[in-house]
Amino acid sequence: MIVHLKPTIGQQQAEYLAAQTQSIVLLQEGGPVVLITPSALKTLPAVLEPHTEAFFSMDSDIQLASNQYVGERIVKVGNVLLGKDQGNTLMIGGPCSVESWEQISASAQLMVSLGITTLRAGCYKPRTSPYSFQGLGYEGLLMLAKIREEYGLHIITEVKDSSHVHEVIALADIVQIGAKAMYDHSILRACGKSNKPVLLKRGFGSNLQEFVQAAEFILSGGNAQVMLCERGIRTFEQKTRFTLDLCGVAYLREYTNLPIVLDPSHAMGYRYGVSSLARACVAMGVEGLLVETHPNPQVAMSDASQQLNHPQFTEMFHSLKPIAAAVGRTLV
């Protein structure tokens, strides 16, 4: 249950009421003080009745992200507004990892030449093997900050664990929480205390309820700037890296209020299918698309098999524009 308290209720009294009802207090700038109770509570407790302006009973612990509560949440990336009714699909491109200044500069130049405003690249890499390239860490973050300064791009990069979450929040324009970190509550809570846009990726073994409930940790912490990213789940299929759950995307669009981003690169795992899958993603009418591209994928230090080279990425990008227009979207 979500409870809007009367404007006369201050933070101290709200915290007292929260303690009486096992609730979370959500303070909103310019909005009502909100209590969020467990969804099992279906009727307004007597202790809250005199202090309540409005309340919303929910079917599950998908509460703040439910469109039964708010029809659309808008995430702002620079001057671009992302939301179900905003008509924009944000194109995010770049390599899996920052590897060198020459490599990330070439990637930035490609984005600028295509009019793409958001560059992705990982600095802290949550690799499956401890013997694989683990990323450049803080050195890579500083490179991305310099790229933003020189090229005017927005930067999205991943948090691997809580040891560097505040560094990423400070330096990135969008904080990515990867599939392997979706359950890391220290990351979720730190992002909830920030005001940076967050791209939350679905864990490859997580169902939709679990996925959106992870977003609830960020939302209930006070940060409404959350996007959901479907990047493929693990199924019985072995011919592709993962299985992109477009059925799940249809559910998220129908029942949640958060912008949705799709990542065909990680889902497919092989570059031959990424462009076609990207076109299917845009046809879903989503708010964002994330595709990996590298100046020379054959020598990439991570995810070499799924990254498009720059000519392939350019061809794919131009093919997406008429598809976006056909579903009432503008690729930005």
Protein backbone atom coordinates (compact mmCIF):
# COMPACT_ATOMS: atom_id res chain seq x y z
CA MET A 1 0.00 0.00 0.00
CA ILE A 2 1.17 3.53 -0.82
CA VAL A 3 -0.09 6.22 1.54
CA HIS A 4 0.09 9.96 0.86
CA LEU A 5 0.16 11.79 4.16
CA LYS A 6 -1.50 15.15 4.68
CA PRO A 7 0.70 18.23 4.02
CA THR A 8 0.69 19.03 7.75
CA ILE A 9 2.62 15.85 8.55
CA GLY A 10 6.35 16.46 8.99
CA GLN A 11 9.22 14.02 8.69
CA GLN A 12 9.42 13.21 12.40
CA GLN A 13 5.74 12.34 12.64
CA ALA A 14 5.95 10.40 9.36
CA GLU A 15 8.79 8.30 10.76
CA TYR A 16 6.73 7.60 13.88
CA LEU A 17 3.77 6.47 11.76
CA ALA A 18 6.11 4.35 9.63
CA ALA A 19 7.39 2.57 12.72
CA GLN A 20 3.80 1.76 13.72
CA THR A 21 3.01 0.22 10.34
CA GLN A 22 6.35 -1.31 9.24
CA SER A 23 6.52 1.21 6.41
CA ILE A 24 9.22 3.01 4.44
CA VAL A 25 9.16 6.82 4.48
CA LEU A 26 9.63 8.41 1.06
CA LEU A 27 10.36 12.13 1.12
CA GLN A 28 9.64 13.87 -2.19
CA GLU A 29 10.75 17.38 -3.06
CA GLY A 30 7.62 19.36 -3.85
CA GLY A 31 5.37 16.32 -3.28
CA PRO A 32 3.60 14.61 -0.41
CA VAL A 33 5.38 12.61 2.24
CA VAL A 34 4.70 8.98 1.33
CA LEU A 35 4.56 5.82 3.39
CA ILE A 36 5.05 2.52 1.59
CA THR A 37 3.73 -0.47 3.48
CA PRO A 38 4.06 -4.15 2.59
CA SER A 39 1.60 -4.95 -0.19
CA ALA A 40 -0.08 -7.54 2.04
CA LEU A 41 -1.74 -4.62 3.79
CA LYS A 42 -4.98 -4.02 1.87
CA THR A 43 -6.92 -1.71 4.21
CA LEU A 44 -5.77 1.56 5.73
CA PRO A 45 -4.66 1.04 9.37
CA ALA A 46 -6.58 3.03 11.94
CA VAL A 47 -3.41 4.77 13.11
CA LEU A 48 -3.00 6.30 9.63
CA GLU A 49 -6.57 7.32 8.94
CA PRO A 50 -6.46 10.80 10.54
CA HIS A 51 -3.21 11.64 8.75
CA THR A 52 -3.91 10.29 5.25
CA GLU A 53 -4.77 12.33 2.18
CA ALA A 54 -4.87 9.40 -0.29
CA PHE A 55 -3.88 5.74 -0.42
CA PHE A 56 -3.34 3.08 -3.08
CA SER A 57 -3.71 -0.63 -2.42
CA MET A 58 -1.45 -2.82 -4.60
CA ASP A 59 -1.61 -6.43 -5.75
CA SER A 60 2.08 -7.14 -5.10
CA ASP A 61 5.30 -5.46 -4.02
CA ILE A 62 5.50 -3.87 -7.45
CA GLN A 63 4.19 -0.62 -6.02
CA LEU A 64 6.01 2.61 -6.92
CA ALA A 65 6.76 1.13 -10.36
CA SER A 66 3.14 0.15 -10.94
CA ASN A 67 1.08 2.11 -13.43
CA GLN A 68 -1.83 1.69 -11.03
CA TYR A 69 -0.02 4.31 -8.94
CA VAL A 70 1.60 6.57 -11.56
CA GLY A 71 0.92 6.13 -15.25
CA GLU A 72 4.32 7.29 -16.49
CA ARG A 73 7.67 8.06 -14.89
CA ILE A 74 9.95 10.31 -16.90
CA VAL A 75 13.73 9.98 -16.91
CA LYS A 76 15.75 12.94 -18.15
CA VAL A 77 19.05 12.36 -19.95
CA GLY A 78 20.42 15.78 -20.84
CA ASN A 79 17.58 17.47 -22.72
CA VAL A 80 15.94 14.18 -23.71
CA LEU A 81 12.84 13.04 -21.85
CA LEU A 82 12.29 9.28 -21.74
CA GLY A 83 8.88 7.89 -20.90
CA LYS A 84 6.05 5.92 -22.45
CA ASP A 85 4.31 9.01 -23.79
CA GLN A 86 7.38 11.10 -24.65
CA GLY A 87 7.99 9.59 -28.08
CA ASN A 88 11.77 9.26 -27.74
CA THR A 89 13.96 6.18 -28.07
CA LEU A 90 17.46 6.83 -26.73
CA MET A 91 20.27 5.24 -28.77
CA ILE A 92 23.19 4.15 -26.60
CA GLY A 93 26.31 2.87 -28.33
CA GLY A 94 29.91 2.08 -27.51
CA PRO A 95 32.30 -0.73 -26.65
CA CYS A 96 31.85 -3.32 -23.94
CA SER A 97 34.92 -1.99 -22.10
CA VAL A 98 37.19 1.02 -22.05
CA GLU A 99 40.49 -0.43 -23.29
CA SER A 100 42.59 2.58 -24.28
CA TRP A 101 42.28 6.28 -25.03
CA GLU A 102 42.56 5.61 -28.78
CA GLN A 103 39.79 3.01 -28.69
CA ILE A 104 37.31 5.05 -26.63
CA SER A 105 38.07 8.24 -28.60
CA ALA A 106 37.30 6.47 -31.88
CA SER A 107 34.04 5.23 -30.38
CA ALA A 108 33.12 8.74 -29.22
CA GLN A 109 33.87 10.15 -32.66
CA LEU A 110 31.52 7.58 -34.23
CA MET A 111 28.70 8.56 -31.85
CA VAL A 112 29.17 12.25 -32.61
CA SER A 113 29.25 11.63 -36.37
CA LEU A 114 25.89 9.82 -36.15
CA GLY A 115 24.28 12.38 -33.87
CA ILE A 116 24.13 9.90 -30.97
CA THR A 117 24.47 11.63 -27.61
CA THR A 118 25.07 8.73 -25.19
CA LEU A 119 28.20 6.58 -25.01
CA ARG A 120 28.44 3.31 -23.07
CA ALA A 121 31.64 1.62 -21.91
CA GLY A 122 32.52 -0.48 -18.89
CA CYS A 123 35.34 0.29 -16.48
CA TYR A 124 34.65 -2.28 -13.77
CA LYS A 125 33.88 -5.59 -15.45
CA PRO A 126 31.98 -8.36 -13.59
CA ARG A 127 33.54 -11.19 -15.58
CA THR A 128 32.57 -14.82 -15.25
CA SER A 129 36.24 -15.86 -15.05
CA PRO A 130 38.83 -14.29 -12.72
CA TYR A 131 41.39 -14.72 -15.50
CA SER A 132 39.57 -12.46 -17.97
CA PHE A 133 40.11 -8.73 -18.47
CA GLN A 134 38.61 -7.03 -15.42
CA GLY A 135 38.48 -3.48 -16.79
CA LEU A 136 40.62 -0.39 -16.25
CA GLY A 137 38.72 0.63 -13.13
CA TYR A 138 39.06 4.24 -11.99
CA GLU A 139 41.51 4.99 -14.80
CA GLY A 140 38.75 4.11 -17.25
CA LEU A 141 36.26 6.31 -15.41
CA LEU A 142 38.62 9.27 -15.75
CA MET A 143 38.93 8.57 -19.47
CA LEU A 144 35.13 8.62 -19.80
CA ALA A 145 34.96 11.91 -17.89
CA LYS A 146 37.51 13.37 -20.33
CA ILE A 147 35.51 11.99 -23.28
CA ARG A 148 32.41 13.78 -21.99
CA GLU A 149 34.40 17.01 -21.69
CA GLU A 150 35.90 16.78 -25.18
CA TYR A 151 32.91 15.42 -27.11
CA GLY A 152 29.87 16.53 -25.10
CA LEU A 153 28.51 12.99 -24.80
CA HIS A 154 26.51 11.56 -21.93
CA ILE A 155 28.29 8.66 -20.28
CA ILE A 156 26.78 5.41 -19.02
CA THR A 157 28.98 2.89 -17.22
CA GLU A 158 28.48 -0.05 -14.92
CA VAL A 159 28.77 -0.56 -11.18
CA LYS A 160 30.18 -3.99 -10.36
CA ASP A 161 30.07 -3.84 -6.55
CA SER A 162 29.77 -1.43 -3.63
CA SER A 163 33.53 -0.72 -3.50
CA HIS A 164 33.25 1.82 -6.33
CA VAL A 165 29.55 2.67 -6.48
CA HIS A 166 30.07 6.25 -5.28
CA GLU A 167 32.85 6.84 -7.85
CA VAL A 168 30.52 5.78 -10.67
CA ILE A 169 27.62 7.84 -9.31
CA ALA A 170 29.89 10.89 -9.13
CA LEU A 171 31.35 10.61 -12.64
CA ALA A 172 28.68 8.94 -14.82
CA ASP A 173 25.59 10.59 -16.30
CA ILE A 174 23.69 7.27 -16.14
CA VAL A 175 24.60 4.55 -13.65
CA GLN A 176 24.25 1.03 -15.00
CA ILE A 177 23.53 -1.80 -12.59
CA GLY A 178 24.44 -4.96 -14.45
CA ALA A 179 22.61 -8.27 -14.51
CA LYS A 180 25.03 -9.83 -12.02
CA ALA A 181 24.57 -6.92 -9.58
CA MET A 182 20.77 -6.72 -9.72
CA TYR A 183 20.47 -8.28 -6.25
CA ASP A 184 23.25 -6.21 -4.64
CA HIS A 185 21.24 -4.19 -2.13
CA SER A 186 24.18 -1.95 -1.24
CA ILE A 187 24.30 -0.77 -4.86
CA LEU A 188 20.52 -0.43 -5.10
CA ARG A 189 20.32 1.61 -1.90
CA ALA A 190 23.26 3.85 -2.86
CA CYS A 191 21.59 4.59 -6.21
CA GLY A 192 18.33 5.24 -4.36
CA LYS A 193 20.03 8.04 -2.43
CA SER A 194 21.37 9.70 -5.59
CA ASN A 195 19.58 11.74 -8.22
CA LYS A 196 21.40 10.20 -11.20
CA PRO A 197 19.43 8.20 -13.80
CA VAL A 198 19.87 4.47 -13.23
CA LEU A 199 19.73 1.72 -15.86
CA LEU A 200 18.84 -1.49 -14.03
CA LYS A 201 19.54 -4.67 -16.01
CA ARG A 202 17.50 -7.80 -15.45
CA GLY A 203 19.39 -10.71 -13.93
CA PHE A 204 19.56 -13.57 -16.40
CA GLY A 205 17.93 -15.92 -13.89
CA SER A 206 15.35 -13.46 -12.54
CA ASN A 207 11.63 -13.37 -13.19
CA LEU A 208 9.77 -10.13 -13.88
CA GLN A 209 8.48 -9.75 -10.33
CA GLU A 210 12.00 -9.99 -8.92
CA PHE A 211 13.32 -7.61 -11.57
CA VAL A 212 10.84 -4.84 -10.84
CA GLN A 213 11.12 -5.35 -7.08
CA ALA A 214 14.85 -4.59 -7.43
CA ALA A 215 13.83 -1.29 -9.02
CA GLU A 216 11.55 -0.68 -6.02
CA PHE A 217 14.63 -0.52 -3.78
CA ILE A 218 15.89 2.44 -5.81
CA LEU A 219 12.50 4.11 -6.10
CA SER A 220 11.71 3.75 -2.40
CA GLY A 221 15.10 5.30 -1.60
CA GLY A 222 13.96 8.51 -3.26
CA ASN A 223 15.38 8.27 -6.79
CA ALA A 224 12.60 8.17 -9.39
CA GLN A 225 15.06 8.22 -12.32
CA VAL A 226 15.00 4.48 -13.05
CA MET A 227 14.99 2.62 -16.37
CA LEU A 228 14.51 -1.13 -16.78
CA CYS A 229 16.80 -2.98 -19.19
CA GLU A 230 15.94 -6.37 -20.65
CA ARG A 231 19.18 -8.01 -21.81
CA GLY A 232 18.24 -11.65 -22.16
CA ILE A 233 17.54 -14.49 -19.75
CA ARG A 234 19.02 -17.97 -19.49
CA THR A 235 16.81 -20.66 -21.02
CA PHE A 236 17.38 -24.17 -22.40
CA GLU A 237 18.58 -22.69 -25.72
CA GLN A 238 22.32 -23.06 -26.37
CA LYS A 239 22.68 -21.62 -29.86
CA THR A 240 22.45 -18.03 -28.62
CA ARG A 241 24.06 -16.51 -25.55
CA PHE A 242 20.73 -15.74 -23.87
CA THR A 243 17.07 -15.41 -24.91
CA LEU A 244 15.71 -11.87 -25.27
CA ASP A 245 12.36 -11.85 -23.47
CA LEU A 246 10.19 -9.60 -25.64
CA CYS A 247 7.12 -11.17 -24.01
CA GLY A 248 8.45 -9.84 -20.72
CA VAL A 249 8.93 -6.42 -22.32
CA ALA A 250 5.26 -6.43 -23.35
CA TYR A 251 4.35 -7.15 -19.71
CA LEU A 252 6.58 -4.35 -18.40
CA ARG A 253 5.06 -1.87 -20.84
CA GLU A 254 1.55 -2.87 -19.84
CA TYR A 255 1.91 -2.94 -16.07
CA THR A 256 4.81 -0.69 -15.02
CA ASN A 257 5.44 3.03 -15.36
CA LEU A 258 9.22 2.92 -15.98
CA PRO A 259 11.07 3.56 -19.26
CA ILE A 260 12.34 0.35 -20.87
CA VAL A 261 15.67 -0.16 -22.62
CA LEU A 262 16.60 -3.25 -24.66
CA ASP A 263 20.09 -4.72 -25.08
CA PRO A 264 20.23 -7.08 -28.09
CA SER A 265 24.04 -7.39 -27.93
CA HIS A 266 24.16 -9.35 -24.68
CA ALA A 267 21.05 -11.33 -25.55
CA MET A 268 22.29 -12.57 -28.92
CA GLY A 269 25.94 -12.88 -28.08
CA TYR A 270 26.97 -13.06 -31.76
CA ARG A 271 27.26 -10.03 -34.00
CA TYR A 272 25.56 -11.67 -37.00
CA GLY A 273 22.17 -11.41 -35.29
CA VAL A 274 22.47 -8.16 -33.34
CA SER A 275 21.26 -5.76 -36.07
CA SER A 276 18.14 -7.78 -36.86
CA LEU A 277 17.35 -8.14 -33.18
CA ALA A 278 17.89 -4.41 -32.67
CA ARG A 279 15.28 -3.68 -35.34
CA ALA A 280 12.80 -5.94 -33.56
CA CYS A 281 13.55 -4.10 -30.31
CA VAL A 282 12.83 -0.69 -31.80
CA ALA A 283 9.58 -2.04 -33.25
CA MET A 284 8.47 -2.71 -29.65
CA GLY A 285 8.29 1.07 -29.16
CA VAL A 286 10.66 1.10 -26.20
CA GLU A 287 12.42 4.09 -24.67
CA GLY A 288 15.99 3.00 -25.29
CA LEU A 289 18.31 0.68 -27.21
CA LEU A 290 21.82 -0.33 -26.13
CA VAL A 291 24.13 -1.82 -28.78
CA GLU A 292 27.83 -2.57 -28.43
CA THR A 293 30.31 -1.42 -31.08
CA HIS A 294 34.10 -1.52 -31.20
CA PRO A 295 36.63 -0.10 -33.71
CA ASN A 296 38.07 -3.60 -34.17
CA PRO A 297 35.94 -6.28 -32.46
CA GLN A 298 38.42 -9.04 -33.30
CA VAL A 299 40.87 -7.62 -30.74
CA ALA A 300 38.30 -6.54 -28.14
CA MET A 301 39.30 -7.49 -24.60
CA SER A 302 35.74 -8.46 -23.59
CA ASP A 303 32.64 -9.68 -25.46
CA ALA A 304 34.48 -9.69 -28.78
CA SER A 305 31.96 -11.95 -30.51
CA GLN A 306 28.94 -9.68 -30.05
CA GLN A 307 30.33 -6.23 -30.83
CA LEU A 308 29.61 -4.66 -34.22
CA ASN A 309 32.40 -2.89 -36.04
CA HIS A 310 31.81 0.77 -36.83
CA PRO A 311 30.51 0.31 -40.41
CA GLN A 312 28.11 -2.40 -39.21
CA PHE A 313 26.88 -0.18 -36.38
CA THR A 314 26.40 2.75 -38.75
CA GLU A 315 24.37 0.67 -41.20
CA MET A 316 22.24 -0.72 -38.38
CA PHE A 317 21.63 2.73 -36.89
CA HIS A 318 20.33 4.17 -40.15
CA SER A 319 18.03 1.17 -40.62
CA LEU A 320 16.43 1.82 -37.22
CA LYS A 321 15.13 5.32 -37.94
CA PRO A 322 12.21 4.39 -40.24
CA ILE A 323 11.19 1.60 -37.85
CA ALA A 324 11.12 4.05 -34.95
CA ALA A 325 9.05 6.48 -37.03
CA ALA A 326 6.61 3.72 -37.96
CA VAL A 327 5.80 3.11 -34.27
CA GLY A 328 5.60 6.81 -33.40
CA ARG A 329 9.09 7.15 -31.96
CA THR A 330 12.08 9.36 -32.66
CA LEU A 331 15.54 7.82 -32.36
CA VAL A 332 17.67 10.28 -30.36
